Amino acid sequence: MSKTFAISDVAYVHRVTVGSVDPANPKAEADIQFQMDKVNECLSRAPKGRIMGIEKNFGIYQAGEHQMVLQSMTYHIGFVRKPAWLE
C-alpha cells in the first residue's frame, strides 16, 4: 500500500524555470530542453518529487513591425527530503 503525498510531508521545494520572458536574453532550444530534462529528473529520480505548483509568465514585446511573445513556466517541485543529487 503506497503512502499518500501530503503537503505537510514536504521538507524541501526546488524551483525549475523553463523558458524566459527576457527579450534581451532569449533561451535557445538546447537550453529549454536542458531545463525540461531537469524537471523530468526531479520527477523520476529517487527521492521522487511532486509538482506542487506552476507559475506561468509571458511577455508581449514589439520589435519594429514584429511582435514577439515569450513565455516561461516555473515548476515548484516538493520533496520529502533534499535530494543529494541536487547539490
PDB file of N, CA and C in Angstrom:
ATOM      1  N   MET A   1       0.851  -1.170   0.000  1.00  0.00           N
ATOM      2  CA  MET A   1       0.000   0.000   0.000  1.00  0.00           C
ATOM      3  C   MET A   1       0.899   1.237   0.000  1.00  0.00           C
ATOM      4  N   SER A   2       0.698   2.145  -0.947  1.00  0.00           N
ATOM      5  CA  SER A   2       1.546   3.332  -1.045  1.00  0.00           C
ATOM      6  C   SER A   2       0.998   4.459  -0.174  1.00  0.00           C
ATOM      7  N   LYS A   3       1.931   5.233   0.336  1.00  0.00           N
ATOM      8  CA  LYS A   3       1.562   6.351   1.190  1.00  0.00           C
ATOM      9  C   LYS A   3       1.128   7.540   0.328  1.00  0.00           C
ATOM     10  N   THR A   4       0.097   8.232   0.743  1.00  0.00           N
ATOM     11  CA  THR A   4      -0.395   9.397   0.026  1.00  0.00           C
ATOM     12  C   THR A   4       0.533  10.579   0.263  1.00  0.00           C
ATOM     13  N   PHE A   5       0.775  11.343  -0.799  1.00  0.00           N
ATOM     14  CA  PHE A   5       1.619  12.530  -0.704  1.00  0.00           C
ATOM     15  C   PHE A   5       0.849  13.646  -0.012  1.00  0.00           C
ATOM     16  N   ALA A   6       1.426  14.230   1.025  1.00  0.00           N
ATOM     17  CA  ALA A   6       0.800  15.326   1.754  1.00  0.00           C
ATOM     18  C   ALA A   6       1.741  16.525   1.770  1.00  0.00           C
ATOM     19  N   ILE A   7       1.173  17.704   1.669  1.00  0.00           N
ATOM     20  CA  ILE A   7       1.973  18.938   1.695  1.00  0.00           C
ATOM     21  C   ILE A   7       2.757  19.033   3.004  1.00  0.00           C
ATOM     22  N   SER A   8       2.199  18.542   4.079  1.00  0.00           N
ATOM     23  CA  SER A   8       2.889  18.624   5.369  1.00  0.00           C
ATOM     24  C   SER A   8       4.157  17.770   5.402  1.00  0.00           C
ATOM     25  N   ASP A   9       4.293  16.809   4.477  1.00  0.00           N
ATOM     26  CA  ASP A   9       5.490  15.973   4.409  1.00  0.00           C
ATOM     27  C   ASP A   9       6.639  16.648   3.670  1.00  0.00           C
ATOM     28  N   VAL A  10       6.368  17.739   2.967  1.00  0.00           N
ATOM     29  CA  VAL A  10       7.384  18.398   2.147  1.00  0.00           C
ATOM     30  C   VAL A  10       8.368  19.152   3.038  1.00  0.00           C
ATOM     31  N   ALA A  11       9.661  18.816   2.870  1.00  0.00           N
ATOM     32  CA  ALA A  11      10.704  19.485   3.639  1.00  0.00           C
ATOM     33  C   ALA A  11      11.572  20.375   2.745  1.00  0.00           C
ATOM     34  N   TYR A  12      11.507  20.165   1.425  1.00  0.00           N
ATOM     35  CA  TYR A  12      12.343  20.931   0.505  1.00  0.00           C
ATOM     36  C   TYR A  12      11.568  21.170  -0.787  1.00  0.00           C
ATOM     37  N   VAL A  13      11.610  22.408  -1.281  1.00  0.00           N
ATOM     38  CA  VAL A  13      10.974  22.766  -2.548  1.00  0.00           C
ATOM     39  C   VAL A  13      12.053  23.282  -3.492  1.00  0.00           C
ATOM     40  N   HIS A  14      12.112  22.679  -4.670  1.00  0.00           N
ATOM     41  CA  HIS A  14      13.083  23.081  -5.692  1.00  0.00           C
ATOM     42  C   HIS A  14      12.311  23.755  -6.827  1.00  0.00           C
ATOM     43  N   ARG A  15      12.814  24.890  -7.286  1.00  0.00           N
ATOM     44  CA  ARG A  15      12.169  25.630  -8.379  1.00  0.00           C
ATOM     45  C   ARG A  15      12.993  25.452  -9.648  1.00  0.00           C
ATOM     46  N   VAL A  16      12.314  25.086 -10.732  1.00  0.00           N
ATOM     47  CA  VAL A  16      12.963  24.949 -12.033  1.00  0.00           C
ATOM     48  C   VAL A  16      12.198  25.813 -13.021  1.00  0.00           C
ATOM     49  N   THR A  17      12.882  26.784 -13.647  1.00  0.00           N
ATOM     50  CA  THR A  17      12.255  27.660 -14.633  1.00  0.00           C
ATOM     51  C   THR A  17      12.590  27.160 -16.031  1.00  0.00           C
ATOM     52  N   VAL A  18      11.542  27.025 -16.838  1.00  0.00           N
ATOM     53  CA  VAL A  18      11.687  26.584 -18.222  1.00  0.00           C
ATOM     54  C   VAL A  18      11.269  27.741 -19.122  1.00  0.00           C
ATOM     55  N   GLY A  19      12.200  28.213 -19.959  1.00  0.00           N
ATOM     56  CA  GLY A  19      11.917  29.341 -20.844  1.00  0.00           C
ATOM     57  C   GLY A  19      12.390  30.644 -20.237  1.00  0.00           C
ATOM     58  N   SER A  20      12.058  31.740 -20.929  1.00  0.00           N
ATOM     59  CA  SER A  20      12.475  33.061 -20.477  1.00  0.00           C
ATOM     60  C   SER A  20      11.520  34.112 -21.044  1.00  0.00           C
ATOM     61  N   VAL A  21      11.283  35.160 -20.270  1.00  0.00           N
ATOM     62  CA  VAL A  21      10.468  36.281 -20.759  1.00  0.00           C
ATOM     63  C   VAL A  21      11.327  37.520 -20.972  1.00  0.00           C
ATOM     64  N   ASP A  22      12.636  37.355 -20.953  1.00  0.00           N
ATOM     65  CA  ASP A  22      13.558  38.459 -21.152  1.00  0.00           C
ATOM     66  C   ASP A  22      13.932  38.543 -22.633  1.00  0.00           C
ATOM     67  N   PRO A  23      13.473  39.584 -23.346  1.00  0.00           N
ATOM     68  CA  PRO A  23      13.784  39.665 -24.782  1.00  0.00           C
ATOM     69  C   PRO A  23      15.272  39.888 -25.065  1.00  0.00           C
ATOM     70  N   ALA A  24      16.023  40.389 -24.095  1.00  0.00           N
ATOM     71  CA  ALA A  24      17.453  40.595 -24.279  1.00  0.00           C
ATOM     72  C   ALA A  24      18.235  39.295 -24.105  1.00  0.00           C
ATOM     73  N   ASN A  25      17.594  38.281 -23.500  1.00  0.00           N
ATOM     74  CA  ASN A  25      18.267  37.007 -23.234  1.00  0.00           C
ATOM     75  C   ASN A  25      17.335  35.839 -23.563  1.00  0.00           C
ATOM     76  N   PRO A  26      16.969  35.654 -24.843  1.00  0.00           N
ATOM     77  CA  PRO A  26      16.090  34.525 -25.176  1.00  0.00           C
ATOM     78  C   PRO A  26      16.841  33.194 -25.038  1.00  0.00           C
ATOM     79  N   LYS A  27      16.114  32.163 -24.673  1.00  0.00           N
ATOM     80  CA  LYS A  27      16.724  30.848 -24.480  1.00  0.00           C
ATOM     81  C   LYS A  27      16.746  30.073 -25.792  1.00  0.00           C
ATOM     82  N   ALA A  28      17.844  29.377 -26.033  1.00  0.00           N
ATOM     83  CA  ALA A  28      17.958  28.508 -27.198  1.00  0.00           C
ATOM     84  C   ALA A  28      17.199  27.209 -26.918  1.00  0.00           C
ATOM     85  N   GLU A  29      16.861  26.487 -27.974  1.00  0.00           N
ATOM     86  CA  GLU A  29      16.137  25.226 -27.823  1.00  0.00           C
ATOM     87  C   GLU A  29      16.903  24.240 -26.943  1.00  0.00           C
ATOM     88  N   ALA A  30      18.230  24.214 -27.069  1.00  0.00           N
ATOM     89  CA  ALA A  30      19.043  23.299 -26.261  1.00  0.00           C
ATOM     90  C   ALA A  30      18.940  23.640 -24.776  1.00  0.00           C
ATOM     91  N   ASP A  31      18.889  24.945 -24.451  1.00  0.00           N
ATOM     92  CA  ASP A  31      18.754  25.369 -23.051  1.00  0.00           C
ATOM     93  C   ASP A  31      17.392  24.977 -22.494  1.00  0.00           C
ATOM     94  N   ILE A  32      16.354  25.156 -23.292  1.00  0.00           N
ATOM     95  CA  ILE A  32      14.999  24.800 -22.858  1.00  0.00           C
ATOM     96  C   ILE A  32      14.898  23.292 -22.650  1.00  0.00           C
ATOM     97  N   GLN A  33      15.503  22.510 -23.544  1.00  0.00           N
ATOM     98  CA  GLN A  33      15.493  21.052 -23.387  1.00  0.00           C
ATOM     99  C   GLN A  33      16.240  20.631 -22.130  1.00  0.00           C
ATOM    100  N   PHE A  34      17.356  21.298 -21.821  1.00  0.00           N
ATOM    101  CA  PHE A  34      18.107  21.010 -20.596  1.00  0.00           C
ATOM    102  C   PHE A  34      17.239  21.293 -19.369  1.00  0.00           C
ATOM    103  N   GLN A  35      16.497  22.405 -19.393  1.00  0.00           N
ATOM    104  CA  GLN A  35      15.626  22.759 -18.271  1.00  0.00           C
ATOM    105  C   GLN A  35      14.505  21.734 -18.107  1.00  0.00           C
ATOM    106  N   MET A  36      13.924  21.273 -19.224  1.00  0.00           N
ATOM    107  CA  MET A  36      12.863  20.266 -19.135  1.00  0.00           C
ATOM    108  C   MET A  36      13.419  18.924 -18.643  1.00  0.00           C
ATOM    109  N   ASP A  37      14.641  18.598 -19.047  1.00  0.00           N
ATOM    110  CA  ASP A  37      15.276  17.371 -18.545  1.00  0.00           C
ATOM    111  C   ASP A  37      15.455  17.443 -17.034  1.00  0.00           C
ATOM    112  N   LYS A  38      15.759  18.641 -16.517  1.00  0.00           N
ATOM    113  CA  LYS A  38      15.906  18.829 -15.063  1.00  0.00           C
ATOM    114  C   LYS A  38      14.569  18.590 -14.354  1.00  0.00           C
ATOM    115  N   VAL A  39      13.482  19.096 -14.934  1.00  0.00           N
ATOM    116  CA  VAL A  39      12.147  18.863 -14.359  1.00  0.00           C
ATOM    117  C   VAL A  39      11.858  17.363 -14.343  1.00  0.00           C
ATOM    118  N   ASN A  40      12.098  16.687 -15.463  1.00  0.00           N
ATOM    119  CA  ASN A  40      11.827  15.249 -15.544  1.00  0.00           C
ATOM    120  C   ASN A  40      12.700  14.453 -14.579  1.00  0.00           C
ATOM    121  N   GLU A  41      13.941  14.891 -14.393  1.00  0.00           N
ATOM    122  CA  GLU A  41      14.823  14.222 -13.439  1.00  0.00           C
ATOM    123  C   GLU A  41      14.273  14.349 -12.019  1.00  0.00           C
ATOM    124  N   CYS A  42      13.790  15.538 -11.677  1.00  0.00           N
ATOM    125  CA  CYS A  42      13.222  15.758 -10.339  1.00  0.00           C
ATOM    126  C   CYS A  42      11.987  14.890 -10.094  1.00  0.00           C
ATOM    127  N   LEU A  43      11.249  14.593 -11.148  1.00  0.00           N
ATOM    128  CA  LEU A  43      10.014  13.823 -11.002  1.00  0.00           C
ATOM    129  C   LEU A  43      10.228  12.316 -11.094  1.00  0.00           C
ATOM    130  N   SER A  44      11.394  11.888 -11.582  1.00  0.00           N
ATOM    131  CA  SER A  44      11.583  10.454 -11.784  1.00  0.00           C
ATOM    132  C   SER A  44      12.706   9.843 -10.958  1.00  0.00           C
ATOM    133  N   ARG A  45      13.679  10.631 -10.541  1.00  0.00           N
ATOM    134  CA  ARG A  45      14.833  10.109  -9.809  1.00  0.00           C
ATOM    135  C   ARG A  45      14.542  10.083  -8.310  1.00  0.00           C
ATOM    136  N   ALA A  46      15.042   9.061  -7.623  1.00  0.00           N
ATOM    137  CA  ALA A  46      14.775   8.914  -6.189  1.00  0.00           C
ATOM    138  C   ALA A  46      15.595   9.924  -5.391  1.00  0.00           C
ATOM    139  N   PRO A  47      15.074  10.555  -4.392  1.00  0.00           N
ATOM    140  CA  PRO A  47      13.668  10.553  -3.995  1.00  0.00           C
ATOM    141  C   PRO A  47      12.831  11.381  -4.969  1.00  0.00           C
ATOM    142  N   LYS A  48      11.709  10.819  -5.376  1.00  0.00           N
ATOM    143  CA  LYS A  48      10.873  11.464  -6.382  1.00  0.00           C
ATOM    144  C   LYS A  48      10.169  12.684  -5.807  1.00  0.00           C
ATOM    145  N   GLY A  49      10.162  13.739  -6.601  1.00  0.00           N
ATOM    146  CA  GLY A  49       9.460  14.953  -6.216  1.00  0.00           C
ATOM    147  C   GLY A  49       8.059  14.966  -6.801  1.00  0.00           C
ATOM    148  N   ARG A  50       7.256  15.882  -6.326  1.00  0.00           N
ATOM    149  CA  ARG A  50       5.893  16.077  -6.829  1.00  0.00           C
ATOM    150  C   ARG A  50       5.707  17.545  -7.159  1.00  0.00           C
ATOM    151  N   ILE A  51       5.020  17.822  -8.248  1.00  0.00           N
ATOM    152  CA  ILE A  51       4.743  19.211  -8.616  1.00  0.00           C
ATOM    153  C   ILE A  51       3.703  19.765  -7.652  1.00  0.00           C
ATOM    154  N   MET A  52       4.084  20.848  -6.980  1.00  0.00           N
ATOM    155  CA  MET A  52       3.191  21.486  -6.020  1.00  0.00           C
ATOM    156  C   MET A  52       2.503  22.701  -6.620  1.00  0.00           C
ATOM    157  N   GLY A  53       3.149  23.314  -7.596  1.00  0.00           N
ATOM    158  CA  GLY A  53       2.573  24.495  -8.226  1.00  0.00           C
ATOM    159  C   GLY A  53       3.352  24.859  -9.471  1.00  0.00           C
ATOM    160  N   ILE A  54       2.711  25.650 -10.339  1.00  0.00           N
ATOM    161  CA  ILE A  54       3.341  26.109 -11.573  1.00  0.00           C
ATOM    162  C   ILE A  54       3.031  27.592 -11.736  1.00  0.00           C
ATOM    163  N   GLU A  55       4.084  28.382 -11.944  1.00  0.00           N
ATOM    164  CA  GLU A  55       3.927  29.801 -12.275  1.00  0.00           C
ATOM    165  C   GLU A  55       4.046  29.932 -13.788  1.00  0.00           C
ATOM    166  N   LYS A  56       3.077  30.587 -14.402  1.00  0.00           N
ATOM    167  CA  LYS A  56       3.116  30.803 -15.845  1.00  0.00           C
ATOM    168  C   LYS A  56       3.306  32.294 -16.097  1.00  0.00           C
ATOM    169  N   ASN A  57       4.358  32.633 -16.831  1.00  0.00           N
ATOM    170  CA  ASN A  57       4.676  34.024 -17.138  1.00  0.00           C
ATOM    171  C   ASN A  57       4.781  34.192 -18.641  1.00  0.00           C
ATOM    172  N   PHE A  58       4.354  35.341 -19.129  1.00  0.00           N
ATOM    173  CA  PHE A  58       4.539  35.631 -20.538  1.00  0.00           C
ATOM    174  C   PHE A  58       4.706  37.127 -20.723  1.00  0.00           C
ATOM    175  N   GLY A  59       5.328  37.483 -21.830  1.00  0.00           N
ATOM    176  CA  GLY A  59       5.523  38.890 -22.171  1.00  0.00           C
ATOM    177  C   GLY A  59       5.325  39.073 -23.656  1.00  0.00           C
ATOM    178  N   ILE A  60       4.687  40.173 -24.025  1.00  0.00           N
ATOM    179  CA  ILE A  60       4.470  40.519 -25.428  1.00  0.00           C
ATOM    180  C   ILE A  60       5.319  41.748 -25.717  1.00  0.00           C
ATOM    181  N   TYR A  61       6.202  41.618 -26.692  1.00  0.00           N
ATOM    182  CA  TYR A  61       7.148  42.684 -26.997  1.00  0.00           C
ATOM    183  C   TYR A  61       7.030  43.085 -28.462  1.00  0.00           C
ATOM    184  N   GLN A  62       7.181  44.371 -28.709  1.00  0.00           N
ATOM    185  CA  GLN A  62       7.141  44.924 -30.062  1.00  0.00           C
ATOM    186  C   GLN A  62       8.568  45.263 -30.493  1.00  0.00           C
ATOM    187  N   ALA A  63       9.003  44.714 -31.619  1.00  0.00           N
ATOM    188  CA  ALA A  63      10.323  44.994 -32.174  1.00  0.00           C
ATOM    189  C   ALA A  63      10.123  45.468 -33.604  1.00  0.00           C
ATOM    190  N   GLY A  64      10.003  46.777 -33.772  1.00  0.00           N
ATOM    191  CA  GLY A  64       9.703  47.316 -35.099  1.00  0.00           C
ATOM    192  C   GLY A  64       8.307  46.926 -35.507  1.00  0.00           C
ATOM    193  N   GLU A  65       8.188  46.234 -36.624  1.00  0.00           N
ATOM    194  CA  GLU A  65       6.882  45.777 -37.094  1.00  0.00           C
ATOM    195  C   GLU A  65       6.526  44.388 -36.562  1.00  0.00           C
ATOM    196  N   HIS A  66       7.458  43.766 -35.880  1.00  0.00           N
ATOM    197  CA  HIS A  66       7.264  42.397 -35.423  1.00  0.00           C
ATOM    198  C   HIS A  66       6.841  42.363 -33.962  1.00  0.00           C
ATOM    199  N   GLN A  67       6.010  41.396 -33.641  1.00  0.00           N
ATOM    200  CA  GLN A  67       5.565  41.206 -32.270  1.00  0.00           C
ATOM    201  C   GLN A  67       6.095  39.850 -31.781  1.00  0.00           C
ATOM    202  N   MET A  68       6.708  39.857 -30.601  1.00  0.00           N
ATOM    203  CA  MET A  68       7.240  38.632 -30.009  1.00  0.00           C
ATOM    204  C   MET A  68       6.463  38.298 -28.754  1.00  0.00           C
ATOM    205  N   VAL A  69       6.168  37.024 -28.584  1.00  0.00           N
ATOM    206  CA  VAL A  69       5.548  36.544 -27.354  1.00  0.00           C
ATOM    207  C   VAL A  69       6.518  35.552 -26.737  1.00  0.00           C
ATOM    208  N   LEU A  70       7.005  35.857 -25.541  1.00  0.00           N
ATOM    209  CA  LEU A  70       7.919  34.978 -24.822  1.00  0.00           C
ATOM    210  C   LEU A  70       7.209  34.450 -23.588  1.00  0.00           C
ATOM    211  N   GLN A  71       7.473  33.202 -23.259  1.00  0.00           N
ATOM    212  CA  GLN A  71       6.816  32.625 -22.085  1.00  0.00           C
ATOM    213  C   GLN A  71       7.801  31.779 -21.286  1.00  0.00           C
ATOM    214  N   SER A  72       7.487  31.646 -20.012  1.00  0.00           N
ATOM    215  CA  SER A  72       8.264  30.774 -19.140  1.00  0.00           C
ATOM    216  C   SER A  72       7.324  30.160 -18.123  1.00  0.00           C
ATOM    217  N   MET A  73       7.736  29.003 -17.631  1.00  0.00           N
ATOM    218  CA  MET A  73       6.976  28.318 -16.587  1.00  0.00           C
ATOM    219  C   MET A  73       7.960  27.934 -15.489  1.00  0.00           C
ATOM    220  N   THR A  74       7.598  28.212 -14.257  1.00  0.00           N
ATOM    221  CA  THR A  74       8.419  27.826 -13.122  1.00  0.00           C
ATOM    222  C   THR A  74       7.693  26.726 -12.363  1.00  0.00           C
ATOM    223  N   TYR A  75       8.341  25.576 -12.281  1.00  0.00           N
ATOM    224  CA  TYR A  75       7.768  24.427 -11.586  1.00  0.00           C
ATOM    225  C   TYR A  75       8.274  24.421 -10.151  1.00  0.00           C
ATOM    226  N   HIS A  76       7.364  24.299  -9.192  1.00  0.00           N
ATOM    227  CA  HIS A  76       7.705  24.158  -7.777  1.00  0.00           C
ATOM    228  C   HIS A  76       7.559  22.671  -7.462  1.00  0.00           C
ATOM    229  N   ILE A  77       8.691  22.015  -7.229  1.00  0.00           N
ATOM    230  CA  ILE A  77       8.704  20.574  -7.031  1.00  0.00           C
ATOM    231  C   ILE A  77       9.057  20.285  -5.577  1.00  0.00           C
ATOM    232  N   GLY A  78       8.167  19.613  -4.881  1.00  0.00           N
ATOM    233  CA  GLY A  78       8.352  19.327  -3.467  1.00  0.00           C
ATOM    234  C   GLY A  78       8.948  17.947  -3.230  1.00  0.00           C
ATOM    235  N   PHE A  79       9.850  17.872  -2.257  1.00  0.00           N
ATOM    236  CA  PHE A  79      10.495  16.622  -1.876  1.00  0.00           C
ATOM    237  C   PHE A  79      10.315  16.401  -0.379  1.00  0.00           C
ATOM    238  N   VAL A  80      10.252  15.140   0.027  1.00  0.00           N
ATOM    239  CA  VAL A  80      10.182  14.803   1.455  1.00  0.00           C
ATOM    240  C   VAL A  80      11.494  15.168   2.136  1.00  0.00           C
ATOM    241  N   ARG A  81      12.609  15.003   1.410  1.00  0.00           N
ATOM    242  CA  ARG A  81      13.925  15.452   1.889  1.00  0.00           C
ATOM    243  C   ARG A  81      14.705  15.978   0.685  1.00  0.00           C
ATOM    244  N   LYS A  82      15.717  16.803   0.932  1.00  0.00           N
ATOM    245  CA  LYS A  82      16.500  17.352  -0.164  1.00  0.00           C
ATOM    246  C   LYS A  82      17.340  16.260  -0.793  1.00  0.00           C
ATOM    247  N   PRO A  83      17.190  16.050  -2.095  1.00  0.00           N
ATOM    248  CA  PRO A  83      17.986  15.010  -2.764  1.00  0.00           C
ATOM    249  C   PRO A  83      19.467  15.385  -2.778  1.00  0.00           C
ATOM    250  N   ALA A  84      20.316  14.397  -2.573  1.00  0.00           N
ATOM    251  CA  ALA A  84      21.760  14.621  -2.585  1.00  0.00           C
ATOM    252  C   ALA A  84      22.246  14.997  -3.981  1.00  0.00           C
ATOM    253  N   TRP A  85      21.574  14.539  -5.020  1.00  0.00           N
ATOM    254  CA  TRP A  85      21.991  14.813  -6.395  1.00  0.00           C
ATOM    255  C   TRP A  85      21.656  16.234  -6.847  1.00  0.00           C
ATOM    256  N   LEU A  86      20.974  17.019  -6.036  1.00  0.00           N
ATOM    257  CA  LEU A  86      20.690  18.419  -6.360  1.00  0.00           C
ATOM    258  C   LEU A  86      21.803  19.351  -5.883  1.00  0.00           C
ATOM    259  N   GLU A  87      22.788  18.835  -5.213  1.00  0.00           N
ATOM    260  CA  GLU A  87      23.895  19.662  -4.699  1.00  0.00           C
ATOM    261  C   GLU A  87      24.672  20.270  -5.827  1.00  0.00           C
TER     262      GLU A  87
END
